[in-house]
Amino acid sequence: MSDLFKIFLTAFLIDNVVLMRFLALCPFIGMSTDDDKAMGMGIAVTFVTVLATCVTFPLYMFFLKPLGLEFLQIMVFILVIASLVQLVEFFLKKSVPALYNSMGIYLALITTNCAILAVTFDVISNGYTFTQSIVYALGAAFGFLLSLLLLTGIRKRIRTSPVPAFLKGTPVLFIAAALLSMAFMGFKGLGQ
C-alpha cells in the first residue's frame, strides 16, 4: 500500500505535470481565471487522464506489444484521448452548458493536452501494473487540478494588489507561475 501512496505522491507533488514538468501550460494559464473554470477543466482532465490510462494500458500490453506494433503507440493513444474528450464535450454540452461555453477552445485542447499523453506514456515506461497506472494517473490529474486552483487563487490576489504598471497582465502572471513552480521544487525531498 505504501508503494501506491508513493506513486500517487510522486505524480501529485514531486513530479507535478504542470509545475515540475512544464506540461499543459496552455490550459494552466488560460483556465485559471476563475474557480469554476479551473475546477471544470481540472475535473475534465482528471476524467480523461484516468480513462485514457484505463484504456491505453491494456491496449498496449495486450495488443500493441504482443503484436510488435509499439510504433503505433502515439497514434493509438491520441485516438483514445480524442475519443474520450468528445465524450466529455457531449456530456458538458448537454449537462452543464454554462461551463461548456466558458471553457471554449480549451475543452477541445484537452485532446492535445501533452500532460494526458505524457501520463499514458509514463505508466508504460515506468513498468507500472494496471493498479499502479491508475494511481499514477489520478495523482497526475489531481496535481494538474491543484496547480490550476493555486494559480487561480494567486490571480485573485494579484487583481487586488498594487502591481507596477510594467508588470501588469502577463508578466506578473508568469512571475507568479515561476514562483509557484519554484515552491514545488521543495517537494523533491519527499522522493528521497
N, C-alpha and C. Protein backbone atom coordinates (compact mmCIF):
# COMPACT_ATOMS: atom_id res chain seq x y z
N MET A 1 0.82 -1.20 0.00
CA MET A 1 0.00 0.00 0.00
C MET A 1 0.86 1.26 0.00
N SER A 2 1.97 1.23 0.72
CA SER A 2 2.84 2.41 0.75
C SER A 2 3.43 2.68 -0.63
N ASP A 3 3.59 1.61 -1.44
CA ASP A 3 4.08 1.77 -2.80
C ASP A 3 3.09 2.59 -3.63
N LEU A 4 1.80 2.32 -3.49
CA LEU A 4 0.78 3.07 -4.22
C LEU A 4 0.73 4.52 -3.75
N PHE A 5 0.89 4.73 -2.44
CA PHE A 5 0.89 6.09 -1.92
C PHE A 5 2.09 6.87 -2.46
N LYS A 6 3.23 6.21 -2.54
CA LYS A 6 4.44 6.86 -3.07
C LYS A 6 4.26 7.22 -4.54
N ILE A 7 3.64 6.34 -5.30
CA ILE A 7 3.38 6.62 -6.72
C ILE A 7 2.44 7.82 -6.84
N PHE A 8 1.38 7.84 -6.02
CA PHE A 8 0.43 8.96 -6.05
C PHE A 8 1.12 10.26 -5.67
N LEU A 9 1.87 10.24 -4.58
CA LEU A 9 2.55 11.44 -4.09
C LEU A 9 3.55 11.96 -5.11
N THR A 10 4.25 11.06 -5.76
CA THR A 10 5.22 11.46 -6.78
C THR A 10 4.51 12.17 -7.93
N ALA A 11 3.43 11.60 -8.42
CA ALA A 11 2.71 12.21 -9.53
C ALA A 11 2.02 13.51 -9.11
N PHE A 12 1.52 13.56 -7.88
CA PHE A 12 0.75 14.70 -7.39
C PHE A 12 1.62 15.91 -7.08
N LEU A 13 2.70 15.71 -6.34
CA LEU A 13 3.52 16.83 -5.87
C LEU A 13 4.93 16.84 -6.42
N ILE A 14 5.63 15.73 -6.28
CA ILE A 14 7.07 15.71 -6.56
C ILE A 14 7.36 15.94 -8.04
N ASP A 15 6.64 15.26 -8.92
CA ASP A 15 6.81 15.45 -10.37
C ASP A 15 5.53 16.01 -10.98
N ASN A 16 4.97 17.03 -10.36
CA ASN A 16 3.73 17.65 -10.82
C ASN A 16 3.85 17.97 -12.31
N VAL A 17 2.86 17.54 -13.09
CA VAL A 17 2.95 17.67 -14.55
C VAL A 17 3.06 19.12 -15.01
N VAL A 18 2.46 20.03 -14.30
CA VAL A 18 2.49 21.43 -14.71
C VAL A 18 3.69 22.15 -14.11
N LEU A 19 3.83 22.08 -12.82
CA LEU A 19 4.81 22.92 -12.12
C LEU A 19 6.22 22.35 -12.11
N MET A 20 6.38 21.06 -12.31
CA MET A 20 7.73 20.49 -12.32
C MET A 20 8.14 19.96 -13.70
N ARG A 21 7.17 19.55 -14.49
CA ARG A 21 7.49 19.02 -15.82
C ARG A 21 7.12 19.99 -16.93
N PHE A 22 6.42 21.05 -16.59
CA PHE A 22 6.04 22.13 -17.50
C PHE A 22 5.23 21.64 -18.70
N LEU A 23 4.29 20.75 -18.43
CA LEU A 23 3.37 20.27 -19.45
C LEU A 23 2.01 20.92 -19.21
N ALA A 24 1.20 21.02 -20.23
CA ALA A 24 -0.16 21.56 -20.15
C ALA A 24 -0.19 23.00 -19.67
N LEU A 25 0.76 23.80 -20.12
CA LEU A 25 0.83 25.19 -19.69
C LEU A 25 -0.28 26.04 -20.29
N CYS A 26 -0.75 25.70 -21.47
CA CYS A 26 -1.81 26.48 -22.12
C CYS A 26 -3.10 26.47 -21.28
N PRO A 27 -3.65 25.31 -20.92
CA PRO A 27 -4.83 25.35 -20.06
C PRO A 27 -4.51 25.86 -18.65
N PHE A 28 -3.29 25.66 -18.20
CA PHE A 28 -2.88 26.15 -16.88
C PHE A 28 -3.03 27.67 -16.80
N ILE A 29 -2.56 28.35 -17.81
CA ILE A 29 -2.65 29.81 -17.84
C ILE A 29 -4.06 30.25 -18.25
N GLY A 30 -4.63 29.62 -19.27
CA GLY A 30 -5.90 30.06 -19.83
C GLY A 30 -7.12 29.78 -18.98
N MET A 31 -7.10 28.72 -18.20
CA MET A 31 -8.29 28.33 -17.44
C MET A 31 -8.19 28.66 -15.96
N SER A 32 -7.19 29.42 -15.58
CA SER A 32 -7.04 29.75 -14.16
C SER A 32 -7.56 31.15 -13.84
N THR A 33 -8.50 31.63 -14.64
CA THR A 33 -9.04 32.98 -14.41
C THR A 33 -10.10 33.01 -13.32
N ASP A 34 -10.83 31.93 -13.13
CA ASP A 34 -11.78 31.86 -12.01
C ASP A 34 -11.95 30.42 -11.54
N ASP A 35 -12.50 30.28 -10.35
CA ASP A 35 -12.60 28.97 -9.69
C ASP A 35 -13.42 27.96 -10.49
N ASP A 36 -14.55 28.40 -11.04
CA ASP A 36 -15.42 27.47 -11.77
C ASP A 36 -14.74 26.90 -13.00
N LYS A 37 -14.09 27.77 -13.76
CA LYS A 37 -13.37 27.31 -14.95
C LYS A 37 -12.25 26.34 -14.57
N ALA A 38 -11.49 26.72 -13.54
CA ALA A 38 -10.36 25.88 -13.11
C ALA A 38 -10.86 24.52 -12.63
N MET A 39 -11.91 24.52 -11.84
CA MET A 39 -12.45 23.26 -11.33
C MET A 39 -13.01 22.42 -12.47
N GLY A 40 -13.75 23.04 -13.37
CA GLY A 40 -14.32 22.31 -14.51
C GLY A 40 -13.24 21.69 -15.38
N MET A 41 -12.21 22.48 -15.69
CA MET A 41 -11.11 21.96 -16.51
C MET A 41 -10.37 20.86 -15.76
N GLY A 42 -10.14 21.04 -14.48
CA GLY A 42 -9.44 20.02 -13.69
C GLY A 42 -10.19 18.71 -13.64
N ILE A 43 -11.50 18.78 -13.47
CA ILE A 43 -12.31 17.56 -13.42
C ILE A 43 -12.35 16.90 -14.79
N ALA A 44 -12.48 17.70 -15.85
CA ALA A 44 -12.49 17.14 -17.21
C ALA A 44 -11.16 16.44 -17.52
N VAL A 45 -10.06 17.09 -17.16
CA VAL A 45 -8.74 16.49 -17.40
C VAL A 45 -8.55 15.24 -16.55
N THR A 46 -9.04 15.26 -15.33
CA THR A 46 -8.95 14.08 -14.46
C THR A 46 -9.69 12.90 -15.08
N PHE A 47 -10.91 13.16 -15.52
CA PHE A 47 -11.72 12.12 -16.15
C PHE A 47 -11.00 11.54 -17.37
N VAL A 48 -10.53 12.41 -18.26
CA VAL A 48 -9.88 11.95 -19.49
C VAL A 48 -8.56 11.24 -19.17
N THR A 49 -7.79 11.76 -18.24
CA THR A 49 -6.50 11.14 -17.90
C THR A 49 -6.68 9.74 -17.35
N VAL A 50 -7.58 9.59 -16.40
CA VAL A 50 -7.78 8.28 -15.78
C VAL A 50 -8.38 7.29 -16.79
N LEU A 51 -9.38 7.72 -17.54
CA LEU A 51 -9.98 6.82 -18.53
C LEU A 51 -9.00 6.48 -19.65
N ALA A 52 -8.22 7.47 -20.09
CA ALA A 52 -7.22 7.20 -21.13
C ALA A 52 -6.21 6.17 -20.65
N THR A 53 -5.81 6.28 -19.39
CA THR A 53 -4.87 5.30 -18.83
C THR A 53 -5.52 3.93 -18.74
N CYS A 54 -6.78 3.89 -18.32
CA CYS A 54 -7.51 2.61 -18.23
C CYS A 54 -7.64 1.93 -19.59
N VAL A 55 -7.74 2.70 -20.64
CA VAL A 55 -7.91 2.13 -21.98
C VAL A 55 -6.58 1.85 -22.65
N THR A 56 -5.62 2.79 -22.56
CA THR A 56 -4.37 2.63 -23.30
C THR A 56 -3.46 1.57 -22.69
N PHE A 57 -3.49 1.41 -21.38
CA PHE A 57 -2.62 0.41 -20.75
C PHE A 57 -2.91 -1.00 -21.27
N PRO A 58 -4.17 -1.46 -21.20
CA PRO A 58 -4.44 -2.80 -21.74
C PRO A 58 -4.24 -2.88 -23.25
N LEU A 59 -4.56 -1.80 -23.97
CA LEU A 59 -4.33 -1.80 -25.42
C LEU A 59 -2.86 -2.04 -25.73
N TYR A 60 -2.00 -1.36 -24.99
CA TYR A 60 -0.57 -1.52 -25.22
C TYR A 60 -0.09 -2.92 -24.80
N MET A 61 -0.46 -3.32 -23.60
CA MET A 61 0.04 -4.58 -23.04
C MET A 61 -0.49 -5.83 -23.76
N PHE A 62 -1.75 -5.79 -24.19
CA PHE A 62 -2.36 -7.00 -24.75
C PHE A 62 -2.55 -6.97 -26.27
N PHE A 63 -2.26 -5.83 -26.88
CA PHE A 63 -2.45 -5.74 -28.33
C PHE A 63 -1.18 -5.23 -29.03
N LEU A 64 -0.77 -4.02 -28.72
CA LEU A 64 0.37 -3.42 -29.42
C LEU A 64 1.68 -4.15 -29.16
N LYS A 65 1.99 -4.40 -27.89
CA LYS A 65 3.27 -5.04 -27.54
C LYS A 65 3.36 -6.47 -28.05
N PRO A 66 2.36 -7.33 -27.80
CA PRO A 66 2.48 -8.71 -28.28
C PRO A 66 2.56 -8.83 -29.81
N LEU A 67 1.93 -7.90 -30.52
CA LEU A 67 1.94 -7.95 -31.98
C LEU A 67 3.11 -7.18 -32.59
N GLY A 68 3.97 -6.63 -31.75
CA GLY A 68 5.12 -5.87 -32.25
C GLY A 68 4.72 -4.55 -32.91
N LEU A 69 3.62 -3.97 -32.45
CA LEU A 69 3.11 -2.73 -33.03
C LEU A 69 3.34 -1.53 -32.12
N GLU A 70 4.41 -1.57 -31.31
CA GLU A 70 4.69 -0.48 -30.38
C GLU A 70 4.84 0.86 -31.08
N PHE A 71 5.26 0.83 -32.36
CA PHE A 71 5.45 2.07 -33.11
C PHE A 71 4.14 2.82 -33.35
N LEU A 72 3.01 2.16 -33.16
CA LEU A 72 1.70 2.80 -33.30
C LEU A 72 1.20 3.44 -32.01
N GLN A 73 2.02 3.36 -30.96
CA GLN A 73 1.60 3.81 -29.64
C GLN A 73 1.10 5.26 -29.65
N ILE A 74 1.82 6.17 -30.23
CA ILE A 74 1.42 7.58 -30.22
C ILE A 74 0.08 7.75 -30.92
N MET A 75 -0.06 7.18 -32.08
CA MET A 75 -1.29 7.33 -32.85
C MET A 75 -2.50 6.73 -32.11
N VAL A 76 -2.33 5.55 -31.58
CA VAL A 76 -3.43 4.88 -30.87
C VAL A 76 -3.80 5.65 -29.61
N PHE A 77 -2.82 6.09 -28.85
CA PHE A 77 -3.08 6.81 -27.61
C PHE A 77 -3.79 8.14 -27.88
N ILE A 78 -3.36 8.86 -28.90
CA ILE A 78 -4.02 10.13 -29.24
C ILE A 78 -5.45 9.88 -29.70
N LEU A 79 -5.68 8.83 -30.44
CA LEU A 79 -7.03 8.48 -30.89
C LEU A 79 -7.93 8.19 -29.68
N VAL A 80 -7.42 7.46 -28.71
CA VAL A 80 -8.19 7.16 -27.49
C VAL A 80 -8.50 8.45 -26.74
N ILE A 81 -7.50 9.30 -26.56
CA ILE A 81 -7.69 10.56 -25.83
C ILE A 81 -8.71 11.45 -26.56
N ALA A 82 -8.61 11.55 -27.87
CA ALA A 82 -9.55 12.37 -28.64
C ALA A 82 -10.98 11.85 -28.49
N SER A 83 -11.14 10.55 -28.50
CA SER A 83 -12.48 9.97 -28.33
C SER A 83 -13.05 10.28 -26.95
N LEU A 84 -12.22 10.20 -25.94
CA LEU A 84 -12.68 10.49 -24.58
C LEU A 84 -13.03 11.97 -24.41
N VAL A 85 -12.27 12.83 -25.05
CA VAL A 85 -12.57 14.27 -24.99
C VAL A 85 -13.92 14.54 -25.64
N GLN A 86 -14.23 13.83 -26.72
CA GLN A 86 -15.54 14.00 -27.35
C GLN A 86 -16.66 13.61 -26.39
N LEU A 87 -16.45 12.54 -25.64
CA LEU A 87 -17.44 12.15 -24.63
C LEU A 87 -17.64 13.24 -23.58
N VAL A 88 -16.53 13.81 -23.11
CA VAL A 88 -16.61 14.89 -22.12
C VAL A 88 -17.34 16.09 -22.72
N GLU A 89 -17.02 16.41 -23.97
CA GLU A 89 -17.65 17.54 -24.64
C GLU A 89 -19.16 17.35 -24.75
N PHE A 90 -19.58 16.17 -25.18
CA PHE A 90 -21.02 15.88 -25.29
C PHE A 90 -21.70 15.99 -23.93
N PHE A 91 -21.07 15.44 -22.91
CA PHE A 91 -21.64 15.47 -21.57
C PHE A 91 -21.79 16.91 -21.07
N LEU A 92 -20.72 17.71 -21.19
CA LEU A 92 -20.77 19.08 -20.70
C LEU A 92 -21.76 19.93 -21.49
N LYS A 93 -21.81 19.72 -22.80
CA LYS A 93 -22.72 20.50 -23.63
C LYS A 93 -24.17 20.26 -23.22
N LYS A 94 -24.48 19.02 -22.88
CA LYS A 94 -25.84 18.66 -22.52
C LYS A 94 -26.15 18.96 -21.04
N SER A 95 -25.20 18.66 -20.16
CA SER A 95 -25.46 18.75 -18.72
C SER A 95 -25.12 20.10 -18.10
N VAL A 96 -24.00 20.68 -18.52
CA VAL A 96 -23.54 21.94 -17.91
C VAL A 96 -23.17 22.93 -19.03
N PRO A 97 -24.18 23.45 -19.74
CA PRO A 97 -23.89 24.32 -20.88
C PRO A 97 -23.10 25.58 -20.52
N ALA A 98 -23.31 26.13 -19.33
CA ALA A 98 -22.56 27.34 -18.94
C ALA A 98 -21.07 27.04 -18.85
N LEU A 99 -20.72 25.91 -18.24
CA LEU A 99 -19.31 25.53 -18.15
C LEU A 99 -18.76 25.21 -19.53
N TYR A 100 -19.55 24.51 -20.34
CA TYR A 100 -19.14 24.18 -21.70
C TYR A 100 -18.80 25.46 -22.48
N ASN A 101 -19.64 26.48 -22.37
CA ASN A 101 -19.41 27.73 -23.09
C ASN A 101 -18.23 28.50 -22.52
N SER A 102 -18.05 28.46 -21.21
CA SER A 102 -16.94 29.21 -20.61
C SER A 102 -15.59 28.57 -20.93
N MET A 103 -15.57 27.27 -21.15
CA MET A 103 -14.31 26.59 -21.44
C MET A 103 -13.84 26.87 -22.86
N GLY A 104 -14.77 27.11 -23.76
CA GLY A 104 -14.41 27.47 -25.13
C GLY A 104 -13.45 26.51 -25.78
N ILE A 105 -12.42 27.07 -26.39
CA ILE A 105 -11.43 26.29 -27.14
C ILE A 105 -10.62 25.37 -26.25
N TYR A 106 -10.52 25.71 -24.96
CA TYR A 106 -9.70 24.91 -24.06
C TYR A 106 -10.25 23.50 -23.86
N LEU A 107 -11.54 23.33 -24.02
CA LEU A 107 -12.12 21.99 -23.90
C LEU A 107 -11.61 21.10 -25.03
N ALA A 108 -11.64 21.62 -26.24
CA ALA A 108 -11.13 20.84 -27.38
C ALA A 108 -9.62 20.62 -27.26
N LEU A 109 -8.92 21.55 -26.63
CA LEU A 109 -7.48 21.41 -26.48
C LEU A 109 -7.06 20.30 -25.53
N ILE A 110 -8.02 19.76 -24.77
CA ILE A 110 -7.69 18.62 -23.91
C ILE A 110 -7.17 17.47 -24.79
N THR A 111 -7.69 17.38 -26.03
CA THR A 111 -7.24 16.33 -26.94
C THR A 111 -5.74 16.39 -27.14
N THR A 112 -5.19 17.58 -27.25
CA THR A 112 -3.75 17.73 -27.48
C THR A 112 -3.01 18.06 -26.19
N ASN A 113 -3.65 17.86 -25.05
CA ASN A 113 -3.01 18.14 -23.78
C ASN A 113 -1.85 17.16 -23.59
N CYS A 114 -0.65 17.70 -23.64
CA CYS A 114 0.53 16.84 -23.57
C CYS A 114 0.65 16.15 -22.22
N ALA A 115 0.03 16.69 -21.18
CA ALA A 115 0.10 16.05 -19.86
C ALA A 115 -0.62 14.71 -19.88
N ILE A 116 -1.76 14.65 -20.54
CA ILE A 116 -2.52 13.39 -20.61
C ILE A 116 -1.72 12.35 -21.39
N LEU A 117 -1.19 12.75 -22.52
CA LEU A 117 -0.37 11.84 -23.32
C LEU A 117 0.87 11.40 -22.55
N ALA A 118 1.48 12.34 -21.82
CA ALA A 118 2.67 12.01 -21.04
C ALA A 118 2.36 10.97 -19.96
N VAL A 119 1.21 11.10 -19.32
CA VAL A 119 0.82 10.13 -18.28
C VAL A 119 0.67 8.74 -18.90
N THR A 120 0.02 8.65 -20.06
CA THR A 120 -0.15 7.34 -20.69
C THR A 120 1.19 6.73 -21.09
N PHE A 121 2.14 7.57 -21.49
CA PHE A 121 3.48 7.07 -21.81
C PHE A 121 4.25 6.70 -20.55
N ASP A 122 4.10 7.52 -19.51
CA ASP A 122 4.84 7.27 -18.26
C ASP A 122 4.51 5.93 -17.64
N VAL A 123 3.23 5.55 -17.64
CA VAL A 123 2.86 4.29 -17.00
C VAL A 123 3.48 3.10 -17.73
N ILE A 124 3.63 3.24 -19.03
CA ILE A 124 4.27 2.17 -19.82
C ILE A 124 5.77 2.16 -19.54
N SER A 125 6.41 3.33 -19.64
CA SER A 125 7.87 3.38 -19.49
C SER A 125 8.32 3.09 -18.06
N ASN A 126 7.47 3.38 -17.07
CA ASN A 126 7.84 3.09 -15.68
C ASN A 126 7.57 1.64 -15.30
N GLY A 127 6.92 0.89 -16.17
CA GLY A 127 6.65 -0.53 -15.91
C GLY A 127 5.62 -0.75 -14.82
N TYR A 128 4.69 0.17 -14.70
CA TYR A 128 3.65 0.04 -13.67
C TYR A 128 2.66 -1.07 -14.02
N THR A 129 2.06 -1.63 -12.98
CA THR A 129 0.95 -2.55 -13.16
C THR A 129 -0.29 -1.71 -13.48
N PHE A 130 -1.41 -2.39 -13.76
CA PHE A 130 -2.63 -1.65 -14.07
C PHE A 130 -3.07 -0.79 -12.89
N THR A 131 -3.04 -1.35 -11.69
CA THR A 131 -3.45 -0.60 -10.50
C THR A 131 -2.51 0.58 -10.26
N GLN A 132 -1.23 0.35 -10.37
CA GLN A 132 -0.26 1.43 -10.20
C GLN A 132 -0.48 2.52 -11.25
N SER A 133 -0.83 2.11 -12.45
CA SER A 133 -1.08 3.07 -13.53
C SER A 133 -2.25 3.98 -13.21
N ILE A 134 -3.31 3.41 -12.67
CA ILE A 134 -4.49 4.20 -12.32
C ILE A 134 -4.15 5.18 -11.19
N VAL A 135 -3.40 4.71 -10.21
CA VAL A 135 -2.99 5.57 -9.09
C VAL A 135 -2.11 6.70 -9.61
N TYR A 136 -1.19 6.40 -10.51
CA TYR A 136 -0.32 7.43 -11.09
C TYR A 136 -1.15 8.44 -11.88
N ALA A 137 -2.10 7.95 -12.66
CA ALA A 137 -2.96 8.85 -13.45
C ALA A 137 -3.78 9.76 -12.54
N LEU A 138 -4.33 9.20 -11.46
CA LEU A 138 -5.07 10.02 -10.50
C LEU A 138 -4.18 11.08 -9.87
N GLY A 139 -2.99 10.69 -9.48
CA GLY A 139 -2.06 11.64 -8.87
C GLY A 139 -1.69 12.76 -9.82
N ALA A 140 -1.39 12.41 -11.07
CA ALA A 140 -1.03 13.43 -12.06
C ALA A 140 -2.20 14.37 -12.34
N ALA A 141 -3.40 13.80 -12.47
CA ALA A 141 -4.58 14.61 -12.76
C ALA A 141 -4.93 15.52 -11.59
N PHE A 142 -4.85 14.99 -10.37
CA PHE A 142 -5.11 15.83 -9.20
C PHE A 142 -4.02 16.90 -9.04
N GLY A 143 -2.80 16.57 -9.44
CA GLY A 143 -1.72 17.57 -9.43
C GLY A 143 -2.01 18.70 -10.41
N PHE A 144 -2.57 18.35 -11.56
CA PHE A 144 -2.98 19.36 -12.54
C PHE A 144 -4.07 20.25 -11.95
N LEU A 145 -5.06 19.63 -11.32
CA LEU A 145 -6.15 20.38 -10.70
C LEU A 145 -5.61 21.28 -9.59
N LEU A 146 -4.73 20.76 -8.75
CA LEU A 146 -4.13 21.56 -7.69
C LEU A 146 -3.40 22.77 -8.27
N SER A 147 -2.64 22.57 -9.32
CA SER A 147 -1.91 23.66 -9.97
C SER A 147 -2.86 24.74 -10.46
N LEU A 148 -3.95 24.32 -11.11
CA LEU A 148 -4.94 25.27 -11.60
C LEU A 148 -5.54 26.08 -10.46
N LEU A 149 -5.93 25.40 -9.40
CA LEU A 149 -6.57 26.10 -8.28
C LEU A 149 -5.60 27.04 -7.56
N LEU A 150 -4.35 26.63 -7.44
CA LEU A 150 -3.36 27.51 -6.82
C LEU A 150 -3.15 28.77 -7.64
N LEU A 151 -3.01 28.62 -8.95
CA LEU A 151 -2.80 29.80 -9.80
C LEU A 151 -4.06 30.67 -9.83
N THR A 152 -5.23 30.06 -9.75
CA THR A 152 -6.47 30.84 -9.70
C THR A 152 -6.48 31.71 -8.44
N GLY A 153 -6.11 31.14 -7.32
CA GLY A 153 -6.04 31.92 -6.08
C GLY A 153 -5.01 33.04 -6.14
N ILE A 154 -3.88 32.75 -6.74
CA ILE A 154 -2.84 33.77 -6.89
C ILE A 154 -3.34 34.90 -7.80
N ARG A 155 -4.03 34.53 -8.89
CA ARG A 155 -4.54 35.56 -9.80
C ARG A 155 -5.57 36.45 -9.12
N LYS A 156 -6.39 35.87 -8.25
CA LYS A 156 -7.36 36.68 -7.50
C LYS A 156 -6.62 37.69 -6.62
N ARG A 157 -5.58 37.23 -5.99
CA ARG A 157 -4.79 38.11 -5.11
C ARG A 157 -4.08 39.20 -5.92
N ILE A 158 -3.58 38.85 -7.09
CA ILE A 158 -2.89 39.83 -7.94
C ILE A 158 -3.85 40.94 -8.38
N ARG A 159 -5.11 40.58 -8.65
CA ARG A 159 -6.10 41.57 -9.09
C ARG A 159 -6.30 42.68 -8.07
N THR A 160 -6.15 42.36 -6.80
CA THR A 160 -6.37 43.36 -5.75
C THR A 160 -5.07 43.92 -5.18
N SER A 161 -3.95 43.54 -5.76
CA SER A 161 -2.65 44.00 -5.27
C SER A 161 -2.12 45.13 -6.15
N PRO A 162 -1.34 46.02 -5.54
CA PRO A 162 -0.73 47.08 -6.34
C PRO A 162 0.46 46.52 -7.14
N VAL A 163 0.26 46.33 -8.41
CA VAL A 163 1.30 45.79 -9.28
C VAL A 163 1.84 46.94 -10.13
N PRO A 164 3.17 47.09 -10.21
CA PRO A 164 3.72 48.14 -11.06
C PRO A 164 3.20 48.02 -12.50
N ALA A 165 3.02 49.14 -13.15
CA ALA A 165 2.41 49.18 -14.49
C ALA A 165 3.15 48.29 -15.48
N PHE A 166 4.47 48.25 -15.43
CA PHE A 166 5.22 47.47 -16.41
C PHE A 166 5.11 45.96 -16.19
N LEU A 167 4.57 45.54 -15.04
CA LEU A 167 4.39 44.12 -14.75
C LEU A 167 2.94 43.66 -14.86
N LYS A 168 2.01 44.58 -15.04
CA LYS A 168 0.59 44.20 -15.08
C LYS A 168 0.31 43.24 -16.23
N GLY A 169 -0.65 42.34 -15.98
CA GLY A 169 -1.07 41.39 -17.02
C GLY A 169 -0.19 40.15 -17.06
N THR A 170 0.25 39.83 -18.24
CA THR A 170 1.01 38.60 -18.46
C THR A 170 2.33 38.53 -17.70
N PRO A 171 3.13 39.61 -17.65
CA PRO A 171 4.41 39.47 -16.93
C PRO A 171 4.27 39.03 -15.48
N VAL A 172 3.36 39.65 -14.74
CA VAL A 172 3.21 39.28 -13.33
C VAL A 172 2.64 37.87 -13.20
N LEU A 173 1.81 37.47 -14.16
CA LEU A 173 1.26 36.11 -14.15
C LEU A 173 2.37 35.07 -14.34
N PHE A 174 3.28 35.33 -15.27
CA PHE A 174 4.39 34.40 -15.49
C PHE A 174 5.35 34.38 -14.30
N ILE A 175 5.55 35.53 -13.68
CA ILE A 175 6.40 35.58 -12.48
C ILE A 175 5.76 34.76 -11.36
N ALA A 176 4.46 34.92 -11.18
CA ALA A 176 3.74 34.16 -10.15
C ALA A 176 3.81 32.66 -10.43
N ALA A 177 3.62 32.27 -11.69
CA ALA A 177 3.69 30.85 -12.05
C ALA A 177 5.10 30.31 -11.81
N ALA A 178 6.12 31.10 -12.11
CA ALA A 178 7.50 30.67 -11.89
C ALA A 178 7.79 30.50 -10.40
N LEU A 179 7.29 31.43 -9.59
CA LEU A 179 7.48 31.32 -8.14
C LEU A 179 6.75 30.10 -7.57
N LEU A 180 5.57 29.84 -8.09
CA LEU A 180 4.82 28.66 -7.68
C LEU A 180 5.59 27.39 -8.04
N SER A 181 6.16 27.38 -9.22
CA SER A 181 6.96 26.23 -9.66
C SER A 181 8.19 26.06 -8.76
N MET A 182 8.82 27.16 -8.42
CA MET A 182 9.99 27.07 -7.53
C MET A 182 9.60 26.54 -6.16
N ALA A 183 8.43 26.93 -5.69
CA ALA A 183 7.95 26.44 -4.39
C ALA A 183 7.77 24.92 -4.43
N PHE A 184 7.29 24.42 -5.58
CA PHE A 184 7.08 22.98 -5.70
C PHE A 184 8.40 22.20 -5.76
N MET A 185 9.49 22.89 -6.06
CA MET A 185 10.79 22.20 -6.03
C MET A 185 11.10 21.70 -4.63
N GLY A 186 10.51 22.30 -3.63
CA GLY A 186 10.73 21.86 -2.25
C GLY A 186 10.20 20.46 -1.99
N PHE A 187 9.26 20.02 -2.79
CA PHE A 187 8.71 18.66 -2.62
C PHE A 187 9.65 17.57 -3.14
N LYS A 188 10.69 17.95 -3.87
CA LYS A 188 11.64 16.96 -4.39
C LYS A 188 12.24 16.12 -3.27
N GLY A 189 12.40 16.70 -2.09
CA GLY A 189 12.98 16.00 -0.96
C GLY A 189 12.11 14.85 -0.46
N LEU A 190 10.79 14.90 -0.76
CA LEU A 190 9.91 13.83 -0.33
C LEU A 190 10.20 12.53 -1.07
N GLY A 191 10.77 12.64 -2.25
CA GLY A 191 11.02 11.45 -3.07
C GLY A 191 12.27 10.68 -2.68
N GLN A 192 13.02 11.20 -1.76
CA GLN A 192 14.29 10.57 -1.36
C GLN A 192 14.05 9.36 -0.49
